[in-house]
Amino acid sequence: MNRRILILLALSASLAATATAWGHETAKKAEVQVVVELADGSRLVGTPLDQSLHVKLDFMKADIPLASIKQCEVRPKEERVIIHLKNGDRLTGTLEMHRFKMETVLGKLSPEFAQIDRLTFTTGEKESSPAEKGSIEFGGINWLPWKTLFEVQGDKLATVPKVRPGFNYGHNGSSRGPTLMSNIGNPDWKDYRVEFEYCVTGVDPSFNPYGLPLDYHDGVFHFHVADAKESWNQCGASMYSLSVQGDGAWSLACTYNDYCRVPSGYGNPGSDGKRTLANGEGLKIDRENGNKFRIEVRGQRIQVWVDGEQIADVTDEQMGETIGGQTLDHGGVGFHWGLDSMGWIRNFSLKPL
């Protein structure tokens, strides 16, 4: 059979399956929301009035349900669009529509696609679990407690050496290491200053299933978290990270869609892109009292201080680029305690710049 016909049949089946699955789940989902980023720097947030994008692909025309789309990049000069689907597929084609109709707080608007840079779609899916609702309030924001339990202990938000109920914890499971996340993918979180005290106290004897060395004290602070998943087997993990090791080494890096490409357990890790922006050694890690951190993101400039000493001042010119459907010019924050280690945060504050 002709190769072009085979590709056409396969793509048709894929789109049909996506549309069918979307249709079956509609009753369980809230309406689609969209963030429209305009070429002049403006942004519109609202509800689409159409249910699909009409696109001409290389071998067919398709109506792609908005609920199956993660992001659509519009390139008017090339007369092309790049559509990133939620299942990881990517389609390139030409729009068969000139305007995007939406309901906003300003009423019904119809910006021309020639004025649009990017469309980002979100869908309120099934009822969120308690962890997904940001069940812990600390430092002025709500936190998602992932993988293990957490509790407020006086002026600290501390890890608890117990697995979060319902989570498949472990090296052969869905992930390891206490994690806190807040405001994942929030488009309004762009330029901000974060200050906090952070400590990796080490391994708790009651929670060390894999015999982690007692001197293990590695941890990570995440910012501009555009996407993240609790399970390392789900596509996500798109963010900047300041990693600190117990021996005083550190690195500042970012990643796009980093996850393990296996059904469960750790294995076959990969991403759509990674960058290391800075690294060094010599931090004096305090395993009892913690260390004071300050991170500022202003435009493409990132600055980092530890215990009052600046260790990084870099400009990431690729911050606004979209890689694998992810753009790291916005998003929330998070903490991770490496593998099965425990610890706490204190005096957390976040201020927009």
C-alpha atoms as a PDB file:
ATOM      1  CA  MET A   1       0.000   0.000   0.000  1.00  0.00           C
ATOM      2  CA  ASN A   2       1.208   3.531  -0.750  1.00  0.00           C
ATOM      3  CA  ARG A   3       3.219   4.958   2.199  1.00  0.00           C
ATOM      4  CA  ARG A   4       1.298   8.242   2.092  1.00  0.00           C
ATOM      5  CA  ILE A   5      -2.001   6.380   2.391  1.00  0.00           C
ATOM      6  CA  LEU A   6      -0.679   4.413   5.363  1.00  0.00           C
ATOM      7  CA  ILE A   7       0.330   7.638   7.116  1.00  0.00           C
ATOM      8  CA  LEU A   8      -3.069   9.141   6.334  1.00  0.00           C
ATOM      9  CA  LEU A   9      -4.905   6.118   7.763  1.00  0.00           C
ATOM     10  CA  ALA A  10      -2.785   6.063  10.906  1.00  0.00           C
ATOM     11  CA  LEU A  11      -3.225   9.780  11.539  1.00  0.00           C
ATOM     12  CA  SER A  12      -6.960   9.542  10.926  1.00  0.00           C
ATOM     13  CA  ALA A  13      -7.226   6.700  13.433  1.00  0.00           C
ATOM     14  CA  SER A  14      -5.207   8.631  16.006  1.00  0.00           C
ATOM     15  CA  LEU A  15      -7.355  11.736  15.716  1.00  0.00           C
ATOM     16  CA  ALA A  16     -10.545   9.679  15.759  1.00  0.00           C
ATOM     17  CA  ALA A  17      -9.431   7.881  18.914  1.00  0.00           C
ATOM     18  CA  THR A  18      -8.549  11.161  20.568  1.00  0.00           C
ATOM     19  CA  ALA A  19     -11.878  12.689  19.655  1.00  0.00           C
ATOM     20  CA  THR A  20     -13.769   9.585  20.827  1.00  0.00           C
ATOM     21  CA  ALA A  21     -11.967   9.513  24.175  1.00  0.00           C
ATOM     22  CA  TRP A  22     -12.616  13.211  24.575  1.00  0.00           C
ATOM     23  CA  GLY A  23     -16.300  12.713  23.837  1.00  0.00           C
ATOM     24  CA  HIS A  24     -16.643   9.869  26.360  1.00  0.00           C
ATOM     25  CA  GLU A  25     -15.076  11.964  29.121  1.00  0.00           C
ATOM     26  CA  THR A  26     -16.871  15.236  28.457  1.00  0.00           C
ATOM     27  CA  ALA A  27     -19.435  14.613  31.154  1.00  0.00           C
ATOM     28  CA  LYS A  28     -16.662  14.263  33.723  1.00  0.00           C
ATOM     29  CA  LYS A  29     -14.798  17.400  32.728  1.00  0.00           C
ATOM     30  CA  ALA A  30     -15.297  21.093  33.155  1.00  0.00           C
ATOM     31  CA  GLU A  31     -15.137  23.418  30.178  1.00  0.00           C
ATOM     32  CA  VAL A  32     -11.917  24.094  28.334  1.00  0.00           C
ATOM     33  CA  GLN A  33     -10.057  27.254  29.343  1.00  0.00           C
ATOM     34  CA  VAL A  34      -7.580  29.066  27.120  1.00  0.00           C
ATOM     35  CA  VAL A  35      -4.768  31.592  27.526  1.00  0.00           C
ATOM     36  CA  VAL A  36      -4.213  33.571  24.307  1.00  0.00           C
ATOM     37  CA  GLU A  37      -0.839  35.304  24.028  1.00  0.00           C
ATOM     38  CA  LEU A  38      -0.903  38.109  21.455  1.00  0.00           C
ATOM     39  CA  ALA A  39       1.975  39.355  19.346  1.00  0.00           C
ATOM     40  CA  ASP A  40       1.947  42.765  21.080  1.00  0.00           C
ATOM     41  CA  GLY A  41       2.567  41.152  24.482  1.00  0.00           C
ATOM     42  CA  SER A  42      -1.060  41.247  25.629  1.00  0.00           C
ATOM     43  CA  ARG A  43      -2.812  38.215  27.062  1.00  0.00           C
ATOM     44  CA  LEU A  44      -6.443  37.101  27.045  1.00  0.00           C
ATOM     45  CA  VAL A  45      -7.907  34.448  29.328  1.00  0.00           C
ATOM     46  CA  GLY A  46     -11.285  32.912  28.745  1.00  0.00           C
ATOM     47  CA  THR A  47     -13.435  30.117  27.355  1.00  0.00           C
ATOM     48  CA  PRO A  48     -13.315  29.090  23.661  1.00  0.00           C
ATOM     49  CA  LEU A  49     -16.607  29.351  21.791  1.00  0.00           C
ATOM     50  CA  ASP A  50     -15.626  26.623  19.309  1.00  0.00           C
ATOM     51  CA  GLN A  51     -14.822  23.042  20.264  1.00  0.00           C
ATOM     52  CA  SER A  52     -11.997  22.376  17.809  1.00  0.00           C
ATOM     53  CA  LEU A  53      -9.291  23.834  15.596  1.00  0.00           C
ATOM     54  CA  HIS A  54      -9.830  23.333  11.866  1.00  0.00           C
ATOM     55  CA  VAL A  55      -6.438  22.442  10.411  1.00  0.00           C
ATOM     56  CA  LYS A  56      -5.122  21.349   7.037  1.00  0.00           C
ATOM     57  CA  LEU A  57      -2.324  18.856   7.566  1.00  0.00           C
ATOM     58  CA  ASP A  58      -0.035  17.543   4.858  1.00  0.00           C
ATOM     59  CA  PHE A  59      -2.342  14.697   3.892  1.00  0.00           C
ATOM     60  CA  MET A  60      -5.745  15.565   5.288  1.00  0.00           C
ATOM     61  CA  LYS A  61      -8.002  18.130   6.889  1.00  0.00           C
ATOM     62  CA  ALA A  62      -8.808  17.610  10.559  1.00  0.00           C
ATOM     63  CA  ASP A  63     -10.974  19.088  13.304  1.00  0.00           C
ATOM     64  CA  ILE A  64      -8.816  18.689  16.405  1.00  0.00           C
ATOM     65  CA  PRO A  65     -10.762  18.877  19.712  1.00  0.00           C
ATOM     66  CA  LEU A  66      -9.489  21.689  21.931  1.00  0.00           C
ATOM     67  CA  ALA A  67      -9.699  19.357  24.929  1.00  0.00           C
ATOM     68  CA  SER A  68      -6.976  17.184  23.369  1.00  0.00           C
ATOM     69  CA  ILE A  69      -4.630  20.123  22.673  1.00  0.00           C
ATOM     70  CA  LYS A  70      -1.993  21.263  25.127  1.00  0.00           C
ATOM     71  CA  GLN A  71      -0.600  24.195  23.177  1.00  0.00           C
ATOM     72  CA  CYS A  72      -0.762  25.693  19.697  1.00  0.00           C
ATOM     73  CA  GLU A  73       2.092  27.838  18.366  1.00  0.00           C
ATOM     74  CA  VAL A  74       1.019  30.238  15.621  1.00  0.00           C
ATOM     75  CA  ARG A  75       3.565  31.341  13.036  1.00  0.00           C
ATOM     76  CA  PRO A  76       1.785  33.800  10.713  1.00  0.00           C
ATOM     77  CA  LYS A  77       4.861  34.623   8.627  1.00  0.00           C
ATOM     78  CA  GLU A  78       5.297  30.953   7.777  1.00  0.00           C
ATOM     79  CA  GLU A  79       1.526  30.465   7.517  1.00  0.00           C
ATOM     80  CA  ARG A  80       1.912  27.433   9.786  1.00  0.00           C
ATOM     81  CA  VAL A  81       0.831  26.252  13.204  1.00  0.00           C
ATOM     82  CA  ILE A  82       2.479  23.687  15.470  1.00  0.00           C
ATOM     83  CA  ILE A  83      -0.012  21.830  17.656  1.00  0.00           C
ATOM     84  CA  HIS A  84       1.186  19.922  20.733  1.00  0.00           C
ATOM     85  CA  LEU A  85      -1.352  17.330  21.854  1.00  0.00           C
ATOM     86  CA  LYS A  86      -1.741  16.209  25.459  1.00  0.00           C
ATOM     87  CA  ASN A  87      -0.733  12.651  24.531  1.00  0.00           C
ATOM     88  CA  GLY A  88       2.692  13.893  23.387  1.00  0.00           C
ATOM     89  CA  ASP A  89       2.004  13.956  19.623  1.00  0.00           C
ATOM     90  CA  ARG A  90       2.882  17.001  17.542  1.00  0.00           C
ATOM     91  CA  LEU A  91       1.114  18.140  14.364  1.00  0.00           C
ATOM     92  CA  THR A  92       2.152  20.805  11.870  1.00  0.00           C
ATOM     93  CA  GLY A  93      -0.241  22.337   9.379  1.00  0.00           C
ATOM     94  CA  THR A  94      -2.207  25.348   8.195  1.00  0.00           C
ATOM     95  CA  LEU A  95      -5.220  26.788  10.012  1.00  0.00           C
ATOM     96  CA  GLU A  96      -8.500  26.742   8.111  1.00  0.00           C
ATOM     97  CA  MET A  97      -9.907  29.549  10.250  1.00  0.00           C
ATOM     98  CA  HIS A  98      -9.000  33.221  10.554  1.00  0.00           C
ATOM     99  CA  ARG A  99     -10.243  34.132  14.020  1.00  0.00           C
ATOM    100  CA  PHE A 100     -10.317  32.534  17.459  1.00  0.00           C
ATOM    101  CA  LYS A 101     -13.668  33.130  19.141  1.00  0.00           C
ATOM    102  CA  MET A 102     -13.720  33.259  22.936  1.00  0.00           C
ATOM    103  CA  GLU A 103     -15.708  34.481  25.925  1.00  0.00           C
ATOM    104  CA  THR A 104     -13.764  36.735  28.319  1.00  0.00           C
ATOM    105  CA  VAL A 105     -14.490  39.137  31.173  1.00  0.00           C
ATOM    106  CA  LEU A 106     -14.590  41.799  28.459  1.00  0.00           C
ATOM    107  CA  GLY A 107     -17.307  39.915  26.591  1.00  0.00           C
ATOM    108  CA  LYS A 108     -17.047  37.921  23.372  1.00  0.00           C
ATOM    109  CA  LEU A 109     -13.826  38.572  21.466  1.00  0.00           C
ATOM    110  CA  SER A 110     -12.475  37.248  18.156  1.00  0.00           C
ATOM    111  CA  PRO A 111      -8.762  38.039  17.756  1.00  0.00           C
ATOM    112  CA  GLU A 112      -7.303  37.211  14.365  1.00  0.00           C
ATOM    113  CA  PHE A 113      -4.798  34.364  14.286  1.00  0.00           C
ATOM    114  CA  ALA A 114      -2.399  36.772  12.567  1.00  0.00           C
ATOM    115  CA  GLN A 115      -2.290  38.635  15.915  1.00  0.00           C
ATOM    116  CA  ILE A 116      -1.750  35.516  18.045  1.00  0.00           C
ATOM    117  CA  ASP A 117       1.570  33.955  19.079  1.00  0.00           C
ATOM    118  CA  ARG A 118       0.398  31.086  21.236  1.00  0.00           C
ATOM    119  CA  LEU A 119      -2.724  29.344  22.579  1.00  0.00           C
ATOM    120  CA  THR A 120      -2.493  27.281  25.767  1.00  0.00           C
ATOM    121  CA  PHE A 121      -5.431  25.072  26.719  1.00  0.00           C
ATOM    122  CA  THR A 122      -6.338  23.581  30.093  1.00  0.00           C
ATOM    123  CA  THR A 123      -9.273  21.391  30.988  1.00  0.00           C
ATOM    124  CA  GLY A 124     -10.732  20.841  34.428  1.00  0.00           C
ATOM    125  CA  GLU A 125     -10.658  17.087  34.593  1.00  0.00           C
ATOM    126  CA  LYS A 126     -11.997  14.693  37.214  1.00  0.00           C
ATOM    127  CA  GLU A 127     -12.507  15.748  40.810  1.00  0.00           C
ATOM    128  CA  SER A 128      -9.124  16.558  42.273  1.00  0.00           C
ATOM    129  CA  SER A 129      -7.664  14.457  45.054  1.00  0.00           C
ATOM    130  CA  PRO A 130      -6.938  16.187  48.379  1.00  0.00           C
ATOM    131  CA  ALA A 131      -3.250  16.458  47.437  1.00  0.00           C
ATOM    132  CA  GLU A 132      -4.056  18.177  44.131  1.00  0.00           C
ATOM    133  CA  LYS A 133      -6.092  20.887  45.841  1.00  0.00           C
ATOM    134  CA  GLY A 134      -3.099  22.423  47.588  1.00  0.00           C
ATOM    135  CA  SER A 135      -4.115  21.164  51.013  1.00  0.00           C
ATOM    136  CA  ILE A 136      -1.297  22.834  52.998  1.00  0.00           C
ATOM    137  CA  GLU A 137      -1.156  26.597  53.521  1.00  0.00           C
ATOM    138  CA  PHE A 138       2.286  27.900  54.445  1.00  0.00           C
ATOM    139  CA  GLY A 139       4.243  31.037  53.662  1.00  0.00           C
ATOM    140  CA  GLY A 140       1.242  32.753  52.117  1.00  0.00           C
ATOM    141  CA  ILE A 141       0.509  30.143  49.411  1.00  0.00           C
ATOM    142  CA  ASN A 142      -1.049  26.689  49.134  1.00  0.00           C
ATOM    143  CA  TRP A 143       1.124  23.631  48.578  1.00  0.00           C
ATOM    144  CA  LEU A 144       0.552  20.268  46.940  1.00  0.00           C
ATOM    145  CA  PRO A 145       2.123  17.563  49.151  1.00  0.00           C
ATOM    146  CA  TRP A 146       3.457  14.844  46.858  1.00  0.00           C
ATOM    147  CA  LYS A 147       4.750  11.326  47.533  1.00  0.00           C
ATOM    148  CA  THR A 148       5.003  11.619  51.324  1.00  0.00           C
ATOM    149  CA  LEU A 149       3.093  13.361  54.088  1.00  0.00           C
ATOM    150  CA  PHE A 150       3.963  16.839  55.395  1.00  0.00           C
ATOM    151  CA  GLU A 151       2.988  18.819  58.465  1.00  0.00           C
ATOM    152  CA  VAL A 152       3.462  22.307  59.881  1.00  0.00           C
ATOM    153  CA  GLN A 153       5.721  22.067  62.929  1.00  0.00           C
ATOM    154  CA  GLY A 154       5.830  25.478  64.578  1.00  0.00           C
ATOM    155  CA  ASP A 155       7.562  27.804  62.105  1.00  0.00           C
ATOM    156  CA  LYS A 156       8.528  24.955  59.761  1.00  0.00           C
ATOM    157  CA  LEU A 157       6.778  22.973  57.042  1.00  0.00           C
ATOM    158  CA  ALA A 158       8.389  19.566  57.451  1.00  0.00           C
ATOM    159  CA  THR A 159       8.401  16.221  55.701  1.00  0.00           C
ATOM    160  CA  VAL A 160       6.879  13.222  57.472  1.00  0.00           C
ATOM    161  CA  PRO A 161       8.447   9.784  56.909  1.00  0.00           C
ATOM    162  CA  LYS A 162       5.224   8.203  55.669  1.00  0.00           C
ATOM    163  CA  VAL A 163       3.980   7.606  52.133  1.00  0.00           C
ATOM    164  CA  ARG A 164       1.055   9.747  51.017  1.00  0.00           C
ATOM    165  CA  PRO A 165      -2.028   7.499  51.030  1.00  0.00           C
ATOM    166  CA  GLY A 166      -2.805   6.277  47.535  1.00  0.00           C
ATOM    167  CA  PHE A 167       0.625   6.971  46.059  1.00  0.00           C
ATOM    168  CA  ASN A 168       2.687   4.106  44.624  1.00  0.00           C
ATOM    169  CA  TYR A 169       5.965   5.024  46.314  1.00  0.00           C
ATOM    170  CA  GLY A 170       9.279   3.401  45.477  1.00  0.00           C
ATOM    171  CA  HIS A 171      12.045   2.788  42.957  1.00  0.00           C
ATOM    172  CA  ASN A 172       9.821   0.243  41.230  1.00  0.00           C
ATOM    173  CA  GLY A 173       6.796   2.447  41.732  1.00  0.00           C
ATOM    174  CA  SER A 174       5.854   5.963  40.639  1.00  0.00           C
ATOM    175  CA  SER A 175       8.661   7.996  42.277  1.00  0.00           C
ATOM    176  CA  ARG A 176      10.666   8.703  45.441  1.00  0.00           C
ATOM    177  CA  GLY A 177      11.423  11.720  47.594  1.00  0.00           C
ATOM    178  CA  PRO A 178       9.168  14.195  49.461  1.00  0.00           C
ATOM    179  CA  THR A 179       8.023  16.973  47.127  1.00  0.00           C
ATOM    180  CA  LEU A 180       6.066  20.213  47.513  1.00  0.00           C
ATOM    181  CA  MET A 181       4.592  22.092  44.549  1.00  0.00           C
ATOM    182  CA  SER A 182       2.607  25.302  44.182  1.00  0.00           C
ATOM    183  CA  ASN A 183       1.028  27.179  41.269  1.00  0.00           C
ATOM    184  CA  ILE A 184       2.193  24.779  38.561  1.00  0.00           C
ATOM    185  CA  GLY A 185       1.841  26.463  35.170  1.00  0.00           C
ATOM    186  CA  ASN A 186       0.397  29.682  36.577  1.00  0.00           C
ATOM    187  CA  PRO A 187       0.777  32.163  33.672  1.00  0.00           C
ATOM    188  CA  ASP A 188       0.752  35.145  36.052  1.00  0.00           C
ATOM    189  CA  TRP A 189       3.865  33.980  37.904  1.00  0.00           C
ATOM    190  CA  LYS A 190       6.696  35.409  35.820  1.00  0.00           C
ATOM    191  CA  ASP A 191       9.023  37.857  37.585  1.00  0.00           C
ATOM    192  CA  TYR A 192       9.383  37.177  41.289  1.00  0.00           C
ATOM    193  CA  ARG A 193      11.722  36.955  44.261  1.00  0.00           C
ATOM    194  CA  VAL A 194      11.673  33.872  46.487  1.00  0.00           C
ATOM    195  CA  GLU A 195      13.358  33.700  49.888  1.00  0.00           C
ATOM    196  CA  PHE A 196      13.381  30.757  52.264  1.00  0.00           C
ATOM    197  CA  GLU A 197      15.377  28.597  54.641  1.00  0.00           C
ATOM    198  CA  TYR A 198      15.776  25.032  53.406  1.00  0.00           C
ATOM    199  CA  CYS A 199      17.238  21.983  55.101  1.00  0.00           C
ATOM    200  CA  VAL A 200      17.835  18.368  54.136  1.00  0.00           C
ATOM    201  CA  THR A 201      18.237  16.728  57.543  1.00  0.00           C
ATOM    202  CA  GLY A 202      18.972  13.302  56.085  1.00  0.00           C
ATOM    203  CA  VAL A 203      17.512   9.829  56.202  1.00  0.00           C
ATOM    204  CA  ASP A 204      14.966   8.877  58.844  1.00  0.00           C
ATOM    205  CA  PRO A 205      15.719   5.333  60.106  1.00  0.00           C
ATOM    206  CA  SER A 206      12.012   4.494  59.904  1.00  0.00           C
ATOM    207  CA  PHE A 207      11.858   5.475  56.235  1.00  0.00           C
ATOM    208  CA  ASN A 208      14.831   4.127  54.340  1.00  0.00           C
ATOM    209  CA  PRO A 209      13.560   1.241  52.185  1.00  0.00           C
ATOM    210  CA  TYR A 210      16.620   1.102  49.925  1.00  0.00           C
ATOM    211  CA  GLY A 211      19.431   1.594  52.444  1.00  0.00           C
ATOM    212  CA  LEU A 212      20.254   5.177  51.508  1.00  0.00           C
ATOM    213  CA  PRO A 213      23.557   6.299  53.112  1.00  0.00           C
ATOM    214  CA  LEU A 214      23.015   8.298  56.275  1.00  0.00           C
ATOM    215  CA  ASP A 215      25.210  11.116  54.938  1.00  0.00           C
ATOM    216  CA  TYR A 216      22.918  11.696  51.929  1.00  0.00           C
ATOM    217  CA  HIS A 217      21.736  15.329  51.981  1.00  0.00           C
ATOM    218  CA  ASP A 218      20.806  16.305  48.407  1.00  0.00           C
ATOM    219  CA  GLY A 219      17.841  18.500  47.533  1.00  0.00           C
ATOM    220  CA  VAL A 220      16.297  20.727  44.848  1.00  0.00           C
ATOM    221  CA  PHE A 221      14.369  23.986  44.610  1.00  0.00           C
ATOM    222  CA  HIS A 222      12.208  24.428  41.484  1.00  0.00           C
ATOM    223  CA  PHE A 223      10.971  27.691  39.954  1.00  0.00           C
ATOM    224  CA  HIS A 224       9.156  28.742  36.786  1.00  0.00           C
ATOM    225  CA  VAL A 225       7.450  25.361  37.051  1.00  0.00           C
ATOM    226  CA  ALA A 226       5.470  25.324  33.807  1.00  0.00           C
ATOM    227  CA  ASP A 227       4.447  21.686  34.269  1.00  0.00           C
ATOM    228  CA  ALA A 228       5.040  18.875  36.761  1.00  0.00           C
ATOM    229  CA  LYS A 229       3.629  15.464  37.613  1.00  0.00           C
ATOM    230  CA  GLU A 230       3.780  13.504  40.863  1.00  0.00           C
ATOM    231  CA  SER A 231       4.698  10.309  39.005  1.00  0.00           C
ATOM    232  CA  TRP A 232       8.028  10.125  37.194  1.00  0.00           C
ATOM    233  CA  ASN A 233       6.293   7.946  34.568  1.00  0.00           C
ATOM    234  CA  GLN A 234       4.098  10.819  33.364  1.00  0.00           C
ATOM    235  CA  CYS A 235       5.273  13.415  30.868  1.00  0.00           C
ATOM    236  CA  GLY A 236       5.784  16.769  32.599  1.00  0.00           C
ATOM    237  CA  ALA A 237       8.751  18.065  34.637  1.00  0.00           C
ATOM    238  CA  SER A 238       9.270  21.354  32.787  1.00  0.00           C
ATOM    239  CA  MET A 239      10.987  23.876  35.051  1.00  0.00           C
ATOM    240  CA  TYR A 240      14.181  25.518  36.311  1.00  0.00           C
ATOM    241  CA  SER A 241      15.949  23.808  39.205  1.00  0.00           C
ATOM    242  CA  LEU A 242      18.610  24.772  41.710  1.00  0.00           C
ATOM    243  CA  SER A 243      20.131  21.482  42.886  1.00  0.00           C
ATOM    244  CA  VAL A 244      22.244  21.416  46.046  1.00  0.00           C
ATOM    245  CA  GLN A 245      24.292  18.451  47.228  1.00  0.00           C
ATOM    246  CA  GLY A 246      25.351  17.622  50.737  1.00  0.00           C
ATOM    247  CA  ASP A 247      29.029  18.057  49.837  1.00  0.00           C
ATOM    248  CA  GLY A 248      28.461  21.696  48.815  1.00  0.00           C
ATOM    249  CA  ALA A 249      28.248  21.223  45.039  1.00  0.00           C
ATOM    250  CA  TRP A 250      25.376  22.943  43.221  1.00  0.00           C
ATOM    251  CA  SER A 251      23.936  23.447  39.733  1.00  0.00           C
ATOM    252  CA  LEU A 252      21.349  25.659  38.052  1.00  0.00           C
ATOM    253  CA  ALA A 253      19.569  24.010  35.125  1.00  0.00           C
ATOM    254  CA  CYS A 254      16.246  23.583  33.343  1.00  0.00           C
ATOM    255  CA  THR A 255      14.427  20.741  31.629  1.00  0.00           C
ATOM    256  CA  TYR A 256      11.450  20.175  29.325  1.00  0.00           C
ATOM    257  CA  ASN A 257       9.098  17.169  29.622  1.00  0.00           C
ATOM    258  CA  ASP A 258      11.517  15.116  31.682  1.00  0.00           C
ATOM    259  CA  TYR A 259      10.124  11.692  32.662  1.00  0.00           C
ATOM    260  CA  CYS A 260      10.734   7.932  32.638  1.00  0.00           C
ATOM    261  CA  ARG A 261       9.425   6.385  29.446  1.00  0.00           C
ATOM    262  CA  VAL A 262       8.306   3.131  31.068  1.00  0.00           C
ATOM    263  CA  PRO A 263       4.862   2.234  32.511  1.00  0.00           C
ATOM    264  CA  SER A 264       6.127   2.147  36.100  1.00  0.00           C
ATOM    265  CA  GLY A 265       9.357   2.307  38.063  1.00  0.00           C
ATOM    266  CA  TYR A 266      12.535   4.209  37.302  1.00  0.00           C
ATOM    267  CA  GLY A 267      13.953   3.581  33.848  1.00  0.00           C
ATOM    268  CA  ASN A 268      14.539   4.964  30.350  1.00  0.00           C
ATOM    269  CA  PRO A 269      14.607   8.623  31.485  1.00  0.00           C
ATOM    270  CA  GLY A 270      14.576  11.329  28.839  1.00  0.00           C
ATOM    271  CA  SER A 271      13.406  14.817  27.990  1.00  0.00           C
ATOM    272  CA  ASP A 272      12.695  17.140  25.082  1.00  0.00           C
ATOM    273  CA  GLY A 273      15.540  19.398  26.145  1.00  0.00           C
ATOM    274  CA  LYS A 274      17.880  20.353  28.979  1.00  0.00           C
ATOM    275  CA  ARG A 275      20.247  23.214  29.725  1.00  0.00           C
ATOM    276  CA  THR A 276      22.810  23.729  32.488  1.00  0.00           C
ATOM    277  CA  LEU A 277      23.155  27.441  33.169  1.00  0.00           C
ATOM    278  CA  ALA A 278      25.684  27.455  36.012  1.00  0.00           C
ATOM    279  CA  ASN A 279      27.323  25.187  38.576  1.00  0.00           C
ATOM    280  CA  GLY A 280      29.877  25.310  41.328  1.00  0.00           C
ATOM    281  CA  GLU A 281      31.148  23.975  44.644  1.00  0.00           C
ATOM    282  CA  GLY A 282      31.956  25.163  48.136  1.00  0.00           C
ATOM    283  CA  LEU A 283      28.548  25.741  49.726  1.00  0.00           C
ATOM    284  CA  LYS A 284      28.559  25.190  53.471  1.00  0.00           C
ATOM    285  CA  ILE A 285      25.502  22.999  53.892  1.00  0.00           C
ATOM    286  CA  ASP A 286      24.029  23.165  57.391  1.00  0.00           C
ATOM    287  CA  ARG A 287      22.305  19.842  58.026  1.00  0.00           C
ATOM    288  CA  GLU A 288      20.679  20.990  61.253  1.00  0.00           C
ATOM    289  CA  ASN A 289      19.806  24.682  60.926  1.00  0.00           C
ATOM    290  CA  GLY A 290      19.417  24.835  57.148  1.00  0.00           C
ATOM    291  CA  ASN A 291      20.655  27.500  54.721  1.00  0.00           C
ATOM    292  CA  LYS A 292      19.128  30.761  53.549  1.00  0.00           C
ATOM    293  CA  PHE A 293      18.308  30.975  49.840  1.00  0.00           C
ATOM    294  CA  ARG A 294      17.176  33.828  47.645  1.00  0.00           C
ATOM    295  CA  ILE A 295      16.271  33.466  43.952  1.00  0.00           C
ATOM    296  CA  GLU A 296      15.214  36.346  41.708  1.00  0.00           C
ATOM    297  CA  VAL A 297      13.793  35.948  38.208  1.00  0.00           C
ATOM    298  CA  ARG A 298      13.373  39.156  36.249  1.00  0.00           C
ATOM    299  CA  GLY A 299      12.810  38.730  32.531  1.00  0.00           C
ATOM    300  CA  GLN A 300      15.497  36.314  31.326  1.00  0.00           C
ATOM    301  CA  ARG A 301      17.841  37.113  34.205  1.00  0.00           C
ATOM    302  CA  ILE A 302      18.199  34.649  37.089  1.00  0.00           C
ATOM    303  CA  GLN A 303      20.127  35.473  40.266  1.00  0.00           C
ATOM    304  CA  VAL A 304      20.808  33.157  43.198  1.00  0.00           C
ATOM    305  CA  TRP A 305      22.126  33.865  46.688  1.00  0.00           C
ATOM    306  CA  VAL A 306      22.963  31.338  49.425  1.00  0.00           C
ATOM    307  CA  ASP A 307      23.500  32.621  52.963  1.00  0.00           C
ATOM    308  CA  GLY A 308      23.818  36.161  51.611  1.00  0.00           C
ATOM    309  CA  GLU A 309      26.489  35.351  49.016  1.00  0.00           C
ATOM    310  CA  GLN A 310      25.579  35.519  45.343  1.00  0.00           C
ATOM    311  CA  ILE A 311      26.525  32.314  43.545  1.00  0.00           C
ATOM    312  CA  ALA A 312      24.831  32.828  40.159  1.00  0.00           C
ATOM    313  CA  ASP A 313      23.846  35.700  37.880  1.00  0.00           C
ATOM    314  CA  VAL A 314      22.887  34.375  34.445  1.00  0.00           C
ATOM    315  CA  THR A 315      20.721  35.357  31.508  1.00  0.00           C
ATOM    316  CA  ASP A 316      18.891  32.552  29.729  1.00  0.00           C
ATOM    317  CA  GLU A 317      18.073  33.842  26.261  1.00  0.00           C
ATOM    318  CA  GLN A 318      16.098  30.668  25.539  1.00  0.00           C
ATOM    319  CA  MET A 319      13.647  31.210  28.395  1.00  0.00           C
ATOM    320  CA  GLY A 320      10.871  32.332  26.055  1.00  0.00           C
ATOM    321  CA  GLU A 321      11.370  29.542  23.515  1.00  0.00           C
ATOM    322  CA  THR A 322       8.866  26.701  23.295  1.00  0.00           C
ATOM    323  CA  ILE A 323      10.391  23.226  23.385  1.00  0.00           C
ATOM    324  CA  GLY A 324       8.209  20.132  23.389  1.00  0.00           C
ATOM    325  CA  GLY A 325       5.154  22.341  23.879  1.00  0.00           C
ATOM    326  CA  GLN A 326       6.602  23.850  27.063  1.00  0.00           C
ATOM    327  CA  THR A 327       7.715  27.447  27.655  1.00  0.00           C
ATOM    328  CA  LEU A 328       9.609  28.244  30.855  1.00  0.00           C
ATOM    329  CA  ASP A 329       8.889  31.969  31.097  1.00  0.00           C
ATOM    330  CA  HIS A 330       6.282  31.439  33.827  1.00  0.00           C
ATOM    331  CA  GLY A 331       5.106  29.058  36.512  1.00  0.00           C
ATOM    332  CA  GLY A 332       5.148  28.237  40.187  1.00  0.00           C
ATOM    333  CA  VAL A 333       7.678  26.891  42.653  1.00  0.00           C
ATOM    334  CA  GLY A 334       8.523  23.628  44.377  1.00  0.00           C
ATOM    335  CA  PHE A 335      10.838  21.780  46.743  1.00  0.00           C
ATOM    336  CA  HIS A 336      12.224  18.268  46.554  1.00  0.00           C
ATOM    337  CA  TRP A 337      14.163  16.265  49.121  1.00  0.00           C
ATOM    338  CA  GLY A 338      16.354  13.758  47.304  1.00  0.00           C
ATOM    339  CA  LEU A 339      15.287  10.116  47.201  1.00  0.00           C
ATOM    340  CA  ASP A 340      14.165   9.105  50.718  1.00  0.00           C
ATOM    341  CA  SER A 341      15.704  11.968  52.706  1.00  0.00           C
ATOM    342  CA  MET A 342      13.717  14.211  55.012  1.00  0.00           C
ATOM    343  CA  GLY A 343      13.839  17.936  55.820  1.00  0.00           C
ATOM    344  CA  TRP A 344      11.943  21.200  56.139  1.00  0.00           C
ATOM    345  CA  ILE A 345      11.434  24.773  54.882  1.00  0.00           C
ATOM    346  CA  ARG A 346      11.042  27.915  57.000  1.00  0.00           C
ATOM    347  CA  ASN A 347      10.504  31.666  56.505  1.00  0.00           C
ATOM    348  CA  PHE A 348       9.222  31.201  52.965  1.00  0.00           C
ATOM    349  CA  SER A 349       8.171  34.336  51.077  1.00  0.00           C
ATOM    350  CA  LEU A 350       7.459  35.144  47.450  1.00  0.00           C
ATOM    351  CA  LYS A 351       7.107  38.658  46.054  1.00  0.00           C
ATOM    352  CA  PRO A 352       6.361  39.704  42.459  1.00  0.00           C
ATOM    353  CA  LEU A 353       8.942  42.007  40.847  1.00  0.00           C
END
